[in-house]
Amino acid sequence: MIRDVDPEQLTAVRIYPLFWDEAGALEWVRGWFDPLVPFFGAAARAGEAMLVWLD
């Protein structure tokens, strides 16, 4: 489940891919982010810092 995400706001601020209002768009992008959960978790457990650049 995806919470606290407003597809209209994502489109308004021009967050790629700009089709957030279409059915299934948030689930589509979730597939790209789910693999990051264990990656960031492992870094946190190891006491490692993460640098995230959003452009």
C-alpha atoms as a PDB file:
ATOM      1  CA  MET A   1       0.000   0.000   0.000  1.00  0.00           C
ATOM      2  CA  ILE A   2       1.190   3.510  -0.790  1.00  0.00           C
ATOM      3  CA  ARG A   3       0.229   6.192   1.728  1.00  0.00           C
ATOM      4  CA  ASP A   4       0.570   9.959   1.972  1.00  0.00           C
ATOM      5  CA  VAL A   5       1.202  10.425  -1.740  1.00  0.00           C
ATOM      6  CA  ASP A   6      -1.026  12.730  -3.752  1.00  0.00           C
ATOM      7  CA  PRO A   7      -0.743  11.937  -7.474  1.00  0.00           C
ATOM      8  CA  GLU A   8      -2.076  15.379  -8.420  1.00  0.00           C
ATOM      9  CA  GLN A   9       0.699  17.082  -6.430  1.00  0.00           C
ATOM     10  CA  LEU A  10       3.369  14.921  -8.082  1.00  0.00           C
ATOM     11  CA  THR A  11       2.067  15.940 -11.500  1.00  0.00           C
ATOM     12  CA  ALA A  12       1.762  19.615 -10.506  1.00  0.00           C
ATOM     13  CA  VAL A  13       5.419  19.814  -9.456  1.00  0.00           C
ATOM     14  CA  ARG A  14       6.465  17.900 -12.572  1.00  0.00           C
ATOM     15  CA  ILE A  15       7.883  14.791 -10.882  1.00  0.00           C
ATOM     16  CA  TYR A  16       8.860  12.368 -13.654  1.00  0.00           C
ATOM     17  CA  PRO A  17       7.164  10.443 -15.335  1.00  0.00           C
ATOM     18  CA  LEU A  18       4.264  12.964 -15.258  1.00  0.00           C
ATOM     19  CA  PHE A  19       1.451  10.421 -15.519  1.00  0.00           C
ATOM     20  CA  TRP A  20       0.721  10.069 -11.803  1.00  0.00           C
ATOM     21  CA  ASP A  21      -2.999  10.577 -12.264  1.00  0.00           C
ATOM     22  CA  GLU A  22      -3.314   7.375 -14.306  1.00  0.00           C
ATOM     23  CA  ALA A  23      -4.459   4.211 -12.575  1.00  0.00           C
ATOM     24  CA  GLY A  24      -1.559   2.129 -11.324  1.00  0.00           C
ATOM     25  CA  ALA A  25       1.130   4.804 -11.697  1.00  0.00           C
ATOM     26  CA  LEU A  26       2.127   4.779  -8.016  1.00  0.00           C
ATOM     27  CA  GLU A  27       2.318   0.994  -7.993  1.00  0.00           C
ATOM     28  CA  TRP A  28       4.489   1.116 -11.122  1.00  0.00           C
ATOM     29  CA  VAL A  29       7.082   3.358  -9.461  1.00  0.00           C
ATOM     30  CA  ARG A  30       6.935   1.428  -6.212  1.00  0.00           C
ATOM     31  CA  GLY A  31       8.599  -1.485  -7.982  1.00  0.00           C
ATOM     32  CA  TRP A  32      11.687   0.672  -8.454  1.00  0.00           C
ATOM     33  CA  PHE A  33      11.853   1.719  -4.805  1.00  0.00           C
ATOM     34  CA  ASP A  34      11.016  -1.506  -2.957  1.00  0.00           C
ATOM     35  CA  PRO A  35      14.502  -2.980  -3.611  1.00  0.00           C
ATOM     36  CA  LEU A  36      16.029   0.050  -1.893  1.00  0.00           C
ATOM     37  CA  VAL A  37      14.460  -0.845   1.474  1.00  0.00           C
ATOM     38  CA  PRO A  38      16.925  -3.649   2.313  1.00  0.00           C
ATOM     39  CA  PHE A  39      19.805  -1.616   0.856  1.00  0.00           C
ATOM     40  CA  PHE A  40      19.134   1.384   3.114  1.00  0.00           C
ATOM     41  CA  GLY A  41      18.388  -0.941   6.028  1.00  0.00           C
ATOM     42  CA  ALA A  42      21.760  -2.657   5.664  1.00  0.00           C
ATOM     43  CA  ALA A  43      23.527   0.696   5.506  1.00  0.00           C
ATOM     44  CA  ALA A  44      21.729   1.867   8.653  1.00  0.00           C
ATOM     45  CA  ARG A  45      22.616  -1.312  10.555  1.00  0.00           C
ATOM     46  CA  ALA A  46      26.262  -0.891   9.512  1.00  0.00           C
ATOM     47  CA  GLY A  47      26.250   2.744  10.664  1.00  0.00           C
ATOM     48  CA  GLU A  48      26.912   3.956   7.130  1.00  0.00           C
ATOM     49  CA  ALA A  49      25.692   7.310   5.843  1.00  0.00           C
ATOM     50  CA  MET A  50      23.692   7.616   2.626  1.00  0.00           C
ATOM     51  CA  LEU A  51      23.958  10.481   0.181  1.00  0.00           C
ATOM     52  CA  VAL A  52      20.826  10.882  -1.918  1.00  0.00           C
ATOM     53  CA  TRP A  53      20.763  13.296  -4.839  1.00  0.00           C
ATOM     54  CA  LEU A  54      17.398  14.172  -6.329  1.00  0.00           C
ATOM     55  CA  ASP A  55      17.659  16.224  -9.479  1.00  0.00           C
END
